[in-house]
C-alpha atoms as a PDB file:
ATOM      1  CA  MET A   1      64.060 108.112 157.206  1.00  0.00           C
ATOM      2  CA  ARG A   2      67.189 108.691 155.152  1.00  0.00           C
ATOM      3  CA  VAL A   3      67.263 107.616 151.507  1.00  0.00           C
ATOM      4  CA  THR A   4      70.432 107.326 149.438  1.00  0.00           C
ATOM      5  CA  SER A   5      70.026 106.692 145.728  1.00  0.00           C
ATOM      6  CA  PHE A   6      72.548 105.022 143.443  1.00  0.00           C
ATOM      7  CA  THR A   7      72.656 104.902 139.663  1.00  0.00           C
ATOM      8  CA  VAL A   8      73.837 101.379 138.884  1.00  0.00           C
ATOM      9  CA  PRO A   9      74.296  98.983 135.958  1.00  0.00           C
ATOM     10  CA  PRO A  10      73.071  97.383 133.796  1.00  0.00           C
ATOM     11  CA  LEU A  11      70.527  99.942 132.526  1.00  0.00           C
ATOM     12  CA  ARG A  12      71.224 103.012 134.667  1.00  0.00           C
ATOM     13  CA  ASN A  13      68.885 101.608 137.274  1.00  0.00           C
ATOM     14  CA  ASP A  14      68.017 103.515 140.431  1.00  0.00           C
ATOM     15  CA  ALA A  15      68.844 101.523 143.562  1.00  0.00           C
ATOM     16  CA  TYR A  16      67.907 102.833 147.009  1.00  0.00           C
ATOM     17  CA  LEU A  17      69.307 102.434 150.502  1.00  0.00           C
ATOM     18  CA  VAL A  18      66.552 103.256 152.992  1.00  0.00           C
ATOM     19  CA  VAL A  19      67.692 103.835 156.573  1.00  0.00           C
ATOM     20  CA  ASP A  20      65.479 104.333 159.622  1.00  0.00           C
ATOM     21  CA  GLU A  21      67.405 106.940 161.565  1.00  0.00           C
ATOM     22  CA  SER A  22      66.031 105.914 164.962  1.00  0.00           C
ATOM     23  CA  SER A  23      67.293 102.336 164.723  1.00  0.00           C
ATOM     24  CA  LEU A  24      69.786 102.377 161.813  1.00  0.00           C
ATOM     25  CA  GLU A  25      67.889  99.438 160.353  1.00  0.00           C
ATOM     26  CA  ALA A  26      67.931  99.551 156.571  1.00  0.00           C
ATOM     27  CA  ALA A  27      66.534  98.090 153.374  1.00  0.00           C
ATOM     28  CA  VAL A  28      67.945  98.043 149.866  1.00  0.00           C
ATOM     29  CA  ILE A  29      65.378  98.410 147.099  1.00  0.00           C
ATOM     30  CA  ASP A  30      66.171  97.076 143.612  1.00  0.00           C
ATOM     31  CA  PRO A  31      69.969  96.673 143.884  1.00  0.00           C
ATOM     32  CA  GLY A  32      70.553  95.955 140.193  1.00  0.00           C
ATOM     33  CA  LEU A  33      74.279  95.368 139.764  1.00  0.00           C
ATOM     34  CA  GLY A  34      75.047  97.871 142.506  1.00  0.00           C
ATOM     35  CA  ALA A  35      76.069  95.658 145.435  1.00  0.00           C
ATOM     36  CA  GLU A  36      79.665  96.903 145.543  1.00  0.00           C
ATOM     37  CA  LYS A  37      78.628 100.556 145.539  1.00  0.00           C
ATOM     38  CA  ILE A  38      75.885  99.990 148.131  1.00  0.00           C
ATOM     39  CA  LEU A  39      78.118  97.991 150.484  1.00  0.00           C
ATOM     40  CA  ALA A  40      80.762 100.731 150.359  1.00  0.00           C
ATOM     41  CA  SER A  41      78.118 103.274 151.366  1.00  0.00           C
ATOM     42  CA  LEU A  42      76.969 101.037 154.219  1.00  0.00           C
ATOM     43  CA  LYS A  43      80.410 101.134 155.812  1.00  0.00           C
ATOM     44  CA  LEU A  44      80.091 104.901 156.132  1.00  0.00           C
ATOM     45  CA  SER A  45      76.458 104.970 157.306  1.00  0.00           C
ATOM     46  CA  GLY A  46      76.691 102.447 160.136  1.00  0.00           C
ATOM     47  CA  ALA A  47      73.319 101.019 159.100  1.00  0.00           C
ATOM     48  CA  VAL A  48      72.416  97.337 159.175  1.00  0.00           C
ATOM     49  CA  VAL A  49      70.545  95.976 156.158  1.00  0.00           C
ATOM     50  CA  LYS A  50      67.579  93.897 157.273  1.00  0.00           C
ATOM     51  CA  TYR A  51      65.879  93.503 153.890  1.00  0.00           C
ATOM     52  CA  VAL A  52      66.609  93.444 150.185  1.00  0.00           C
ATOM     53  CA  LEU A  53      63.362  94.304 148.398  1.00  0.00           C
ATOM     54  CA  ASN A  54      62.464  94.009 144.720  1.00  0.00           C
ATOM     55  CA  THR A  55      59.714  96.047 143.087  1.00  0.00           C
ATOM     56  CA  HIS A  56      59.558  93.320 140.428  1.00  0.00           C
ATOM     57  CA  GLY A  57      61.523  90.372 139.142  1.00  0.00           C
ATOM     58  CA  HIS A  58      63.292  91.648 136.027  1.00  0.00           C
ATOM     59  CA  ALA A  59      67.006  90.842 136.108  1.00  0.00           C
ATOM     60  CA  ASP A  60      68.187  94.439 135.746  1.00  0.00           C
ATOM     61  CA  HIS A  61      66.652  95.147 139.185  1.00  0.00           C
ATOM     62  CA  THR A  62      67.458  91.862 140.936  1.00  0.00           C
ATOM     63  CA  ALA A  63      70.927  90.927 139.627  1.00  0.00           C
ATOM     64  CA  ASP A  64      72.799  91.450 142.914  1.00  0.00           C
ATOM     65  CA  ASP A  65      70.091  90.116 145.236  1.00  0.00           C
ATOM     66  CA  ALA A  66      72.096  87.021 146.159  1.00  0.00           C
ATOM     67  CA  ASN A  67      75.359  88.923 146.597  1.00  0.00           C
ATOM     68  CA  LEU A  68      73.784  91.505 148.895  1.00  0.00           C
ATOM     69  CA  ARG A  69      71.964  88.903 150.955  1.00  0.00           C
ATOM     70  CA  GLU A  70      75.172  86.928 151.409  1.00  0.00           C
ATOM     71  CA  ALA A  71      77.115  90.042 152.425  1.00  0.00           C
ATOM     72  CA  THR A  72      74.527  91.399 154.862  1.00  0.00           C
ATOM     73  CA  GLY A  73      72.413  88.468 156.041  1.00  0.00           C
ATOM     74  CA  ALA A  74      69.321  90.391 154.950  1.00  0.00           C
ATOM     75  CA  LYS A  75      65.996  88.784 154.073  1.00  0.00           C
ATOM     76  CA  LEU A  76      64.977  88.944 150.413  1.00  0.00           C
ATOM     77  CA  GLY A  77      61.437  90.042 149.589  1.00  0.00           C
ATOM     78  CA  ILE A  78      59.465  90.179 146.348  1.00  0.00           C
ATOM     79  CA  HIS A  79      55.775  90.084 145.495  1.00  0.00           C
ATOM     80  CA  GLU A  80      54.584  86.493 145.389  1.00  0.00           C
ATOM     81  CA  VAL A  81      53.418  86.753 141.767  1.00  0.00           C
ATOM     82  CA  ASP A  82      56.880  87.766 140.513  1.00  0.00           C
ATOM     83  CA  ALA A  83      58.915  85.355 142.648  1.00  0.00           C
ATOM     84  CA  TYR A  84      59.318  82.944 139.721  1.00  0.00           C
ATOM     85  CA  TRP A  85      61.532  85.495 137.957  1.00  0.00           C
ATOM     86  CA  LEU A  86      64.368  84.942 140.423  1.00  0.00           C
ATOM     87  CA  GLU A  87      64.702  81.303 139.417  1.00  0.00           C
ATOM     88  CA  ARG A  88      64.264  82.177 135.751  1.00  0.00           C
ATOM     89  CA  ASN A  89      66.972  84.865 135.884  1.00  0.00           C
ATOM     90  CA  ALA A  90      69.477  82.305 137.150  1.00  0.00           C
ATOM     91  CA  LYS A  91      68.925  80.393 133.916  1.00  0.00           C
ATOM     92  CA  ASP A  92      68.155  83.083 131.356  1.00  0.00           C
ATOM     93  CA  PRO A  93      68.111  86.778 132.329  1.00  0.00           C
ATOM     94  CA  ARG A  94      67.546  88.102 128.819  1.00  0.00           C
ATOM     95  CA  PRO A  95      66.640  90.668 127.549  1.00  0.00           C
ATOM     96  CA  PHE A  96      67.964  92.587 130.574  1.00  0.00           C
ATOM     97  CA  LEU A  97      71.317  90.826 131.008  1.00  0.00           C
ATOM     98  CA  GLU A  98      73.431  88.544 128.866  1.00  0.00           C
ATOM     99  CA  LYS A  99      74.733  86.328 131.673  1.00  0.00           C
ATOM    100  CA  PRO A 100      72.640  84.497 134.306  1.00  0.00           C
ATOM    101  CA  THR A 101      72.510  85.977 137.793  1.00  0.00           C
ATOM    102  CA  PRO A 102      73.360  84.030 140.964  1.00  0.00           C
ATOM    103  CA  ALA A 103      70.396  81.986 142.161  1.00  0.00           C
ATOM    104  CA  ALA A 104      68.314  83.737 144.800  1.00  0.00           C
ATOM    105  CA  LYS A 105      65.337  82.329 146.696  1.00  0.00           C
ATOM    106  CA  PRO A 106      63.016  84.817 148.390  1.00  0.00           C
ATOM    107  CA  ASP A 107      62.583  84.758 152.151  1.00  0.00           C
ATOM    108  CA  LEU A 108      59.447  86.910 152.019  1.00  0.00           C
ATOM    109  CA  LEU A 109      56.608  86.533 149.520  1.00  0.00           C
ATOM    110  CA  LEU A 110      54.930  89.907 149.656  1.00  0.00           C
ATOM    111  CA  LYS A 111      51.261  90.633 149.041  1.00  0.00           C
ATOM    112  CA  GLU A 112      49.027  93.683 148.889  1.00  0.00           C
ATOM    113  CA  GLY A 113      49.322  95.307 152.308  1.00  0.00           C
ATOM    114  CA  SER A 114      52.470  93.470 153.446  1.00  0.00           C
ATOM    115  CA  GLU A 115      54.470  95.710 155.783  1.00  0.00           C
ATOM    116  CA  ILE A 116      58.234  95.925 156.030  1.00  0.00           C
ATOM    117  CA  ARG A 117      59.276  97.511 159.343  1.00  0.00           C
ATOM    118  CA  LEU A 118      62.575  99.269 159.888  1.00  0.00           C
ATOM    119  CA  GLY A 119      62.417 100.719 163.378  1.00  0.00           C
ATOM    120  CA  ASN A 120      59.837 103.509 163.114  1.00  0.00           C
ATOM    121  CA  THR A 121      59.724 103.345 159.311  1.00  0.00           C
ATOM    122  CA  VAL A 122      57.047 101.208 157.664  1.00  0.00           C
ATOM    123  CA  LEU A 123      57.078 100.352 153.962  1.00  0.00           C
ATOM    124  CA  THR A 124      53.666  99.141 152.826  1.00  0.00           C
ATOM    125  CA  THR A 125      53.472  96.921 149.754  1.00  0.00           C
ATOM    126  CA  MET A 126      50.973  97.837 147.048  1.00  0.00           C
ATOM    127  CA  HIS A 127      50.444  95.376 144.200  1.00  0.00           C
ATOM    128  CA  ALA A 128      50.997  97.328 140.972  1.00  0.00           C
ATOM    129  CA  PRO A 129      50.684  94.979 137.966  1.00  0.00           C
ATOM    130  CA  GLY A 130      51.300  96.192 134.433  1.00  0.00           C
ATOM    131  CA  HIS A 131      55.038  96.224 133.838  1.00  0.00           C
ATOM    132  CA  SER A 132      55.039  92.660 135.151  1.00  0.00           C
ATOM    133  CA  PRO A 133      52.274  90.600 136.798  1.00  0.00           C
ATOM    134  CA  GLY A 134      53.823  90.921 140.248  1.00  0.00           C
ATOM    135  CA  SER A 135      55.147  94.451 140.113  1.00  0.00           C
ATOM    136  CA  ALA A 136      54.817  96.229 143.435  1.00  0.00           C
ATOM    137  CA  VAL A 137      55.453  99.668 144.876  1.00  0.00           C
ATOM    138  CA  PHE A 138      56.454 100.494 148.444  1.00  0.00           C
ATOM    139  CA  TRP A 139      54.573 103.333 150.143  1.00  0.00           C
ATOM    140  CA  VAL A 140      55.976 105.087 153.229  1.00  0.00           C
ATOM    141  CA  ALA A 141      52.952 106.992 154.431  1.00  0.00           C
ATOM    142  CA  ASN A 142      54.467 109.108 157.205  1.00  0.00           C
ATOM    143  CA  GLU A 143      57.207 110.310 154.850  1.00  0.00           C
ATOM    144  CA  GLY A 144      55.021 110.711 151.755  1.00  0.00           C
ATOM    145  CA  VAL A 145      57.431 108.638 149.671  1.00  0.00           C
ATOM    146  CA  LEU A 146      56.643 106.027 147.020  1.00  0.00           C
ATOM    147  CA  PHE A 147      59.293 103.656 145.710  1.00  0.00           C
ATOM    148  CA  SER A 148      57.686 103.030 142.349  1.00  0.00           C
ATOM    149  CA  GLY A 149      60.019 100.675 140.482  1.00  0.00           C
ATOM    150  CA  ASP A 150      59.106 100.572 136.804  1.00  0.00           C
ATOM    151  CA  THR A 151      55.516 101.642 137.340  1.00  0.00           C
ATOM    152  CA  VAL A 152      55.503 105.458 137.605  1.00  0.00           C
ATOM    153  CA  MET A 153      58.507 107.391 136.324  1.00  0.00           C
ATOM    154  CA  ALA A 154      59.014 111.052 135.509  1.00  0.00           C
ATOM    155  CA  GLY A 155      56.833 111.773 132.499  1.00  0.00           C
ATOM    156  CA  THR A 156      56.089 108.156 131.692  1.00  0.00           C
ATOM    157  CA  SER A 157      55.415 104.642 132.927  1.00  0.00           C
ATOM    158  CA  GLY A 158      57.273 101.362 132.677  1.00  0.00           C
ATOM    159  CA  ARG A 159      57.032  99.366 129.469  1.00  0.00           C
ATOM    160  CA  THR A 160      54.113  97.003 128.960  1.00  0.00           C
ATOM    161  CA  ASP A 161      55.323  95.317 125.773  1.00  0.00           C
ATOM    162  CA  LEU A 162      57.707  92.950 127.550  1.00  0.00           C
ATOM    163  CA  ARG A 163      56.960  89.360 128.577  1.00  0.00           C
ATOM    164  CA  ASP A 164      53.756  89.219 130.661  1.00  0.00           C
ATOM    165  CA  GLY A 165      53.309  93.001 130.585  1.00  0.00           C
ATOM    166  CA  SER A 166      49.740  94.281 130.446  1.00  0.00           C
ATOM    167  CA  PRO A 167      48.665  97.692 129.081  1.00  0.00           C
ATOM    168  CA  GLY A 168      45.251  97.348 130.696  1.00  0.00           C
ATOM    169  CA  LYS A 169      46.639  96.511 134.126  1.00  0.00           C
ATOM    170  CA  MET A 170      49.180  99.299 133.904  1.00  0.00           C
ATOM    171  CA  THR A 171      46.426 101.789 133.175  1.00  0.00           C
ATOM    172  CA  PHE A 172      44.436 100.535 136.184  1.00  0.00           C
ATOM    173  CA  THR A 173      47.509 100.694 138.434  1.00  0.00           C
ATOM    174  CA  LEU A 174      48.477 104.220 137.375  1.00  0.00           C
ATOM    175  CA  ARG A 175      44.959 105.493 137.979  1.00  0.00           C
ATOM    176  CA  ARG A 176      44.842 103.811 141.370  1.00  0.00           C
ATOM    177  CA  LEU A 177      48.087 105.405 142.526  1.00  0.00           C
ATOM    178  CA  TYR A 178      47.310 108.835 141.085  1.00  0.00           C
ATOM    179  CA  ARG A 179      43.839 108.993 142.597  1.00  0.00           C
ATOM    180  CA  GLY A 180      44.572 107.184 145.852  1.00  0.00           C
ATOM    181  CA  LEU A 181      47.781 108.793 147.099  1.00  0.00           C
ATOM    182  CA  PRO A 182      48.440 112.460 147.939  1.00  0.00           C
ATOM    183  CA  GLY A 183      49.534 114.676 145.084  1.00  0.00           C
ATOM    184  CA  ASP A 184      52.700 115.735 146.884  1.00  0.00           C
ATOM    185  CA  THR A 185      53.857 112.124 147.189  1.00  0.00           C
ATOM    186  CA  ARG A 186      57.540 111.972 146.278  1.00  0.00           C
ATOM    187  CA  VAL A 187      58.040 109.267 143.671  1.00  0.00           C
ATOM    188  CA  LEU A 188      61.412 107.483 143.589  1.00  0.00           C
ATOM    189  CA  PRO A 189      61.406 105.367 140.414  1.00  0.00           C
ATOM    190  CA  GLY A 190      63.450 102.466 139.085  1.00  0.00           C
ATOM    191  CA  HIS A 191      64.957 104.622 136.327  1.00  0.00           C
ATOM    192  CA  GLY A 192      65.389 108.352 135.902  1.00  0.00           C
ATOM    193  CA  PRO A 193      64.847 111.329 138.221  1.00  0.00           C
ATOM    194  CA  ALA A 194      62.518 111.622 141.173  1.00  0.00           C
ATOM    195  CA  THR A 195      59.139 113.247 140.647  1.00  0.00           C
ATOM    196  CA  THR A 196      55.825 113.787 142.429  1.00  0.00           C
ATOM    197  CA  LEU A 197      52.424 112.397 141.598  1.00  0.00           C
ATOM    198  CA  ARG A 198      51.130 115.923 141.067  1.00  0.00           C
ATOM    199  CA  ASN A 199      53.743 116.432 138.367  1.00  0.00           C
ATOM    200  CA  GLU A 200      52.501 113.330 136.552  1.00  0.00           C
ATOM    201  CA  SER A 201      49.175 114.902 135.596  1.00  0.00           C
ATOM    202  CA  TRP A 202      49.197 112.981 132.297  1.00  0.00           C
ATOM    203  CA  ILE A 203      47.880 110.018 134.287  1.00  0.00           C
ATOM    204  CA  ALA A 204      44.612 111.861 134.870  1.00  0.00           C
ATOM    205  CA  ASP A 205      44.052 112.006 131.109  1.00  0.00           C
ATOM    206  CA  LEU A 206      44.528 108.281 130.426  1.00  0.00           C
ATOM    207  CA  GLU A 207      41.510 107.004 128.518  1.00  0.00           C
ATOM    208  CA  TYR A 208      42.824 103.842 126.906  1.00  0.00           C
ATOM    209  CA  PRO A 209      45.152 101.033 127.951  1.00  0.00           C
ATOM    210  CA  LEU A 210      48.727 102.235 127.867  1.00  0.00           C
ATOM    211  CA  LEU A 211      50.943 100.395 125.393  1.00  0.00           C
ATOM    212  CA  ARG A 212      54.624 101.320 125.198  1.00  0.00           C
END
């Protein structure tokens, strides 16, 4: 598996191009406003994008969903609980963007355990509520990689004080990931640098619901 990361607008989001090297099948995770940059990279890689995946529905992560799907013919996937955001963002994307995003309807409504297959690479969906009700992370077990969206980030977690955020659910989710996945899991977040679960030892000390 080859992963290329892009820092993209509107909020210095991390977008990822995930390529299965055996088949050159690919997925884009959380494109943000990075379609142009990602499509330029695709021309060099020779990969074919089969899926555009969202870790959650906030407009800063989903803004170019429709543009990428139109350009690549990929299927769009998001956790079923957050799917409503895509319609909402086409009407009012605030506070993440000032202008509405192109309408995008998901092709895949993901659930806990849903698998996305790219050749020999399997991304397993884990429901990770807290930042939003339908936040999800994508776990690639044989590579030890977690695409964590706005759930786990280096030294912190995603905010829980936004619409429909939940401090209690975020605390539960963080504990589940920290205790359930290997410590050397490489975490590729929605903002900021990569980290490992072992480096996020602050999660082990959480005693109260996390509000930030």
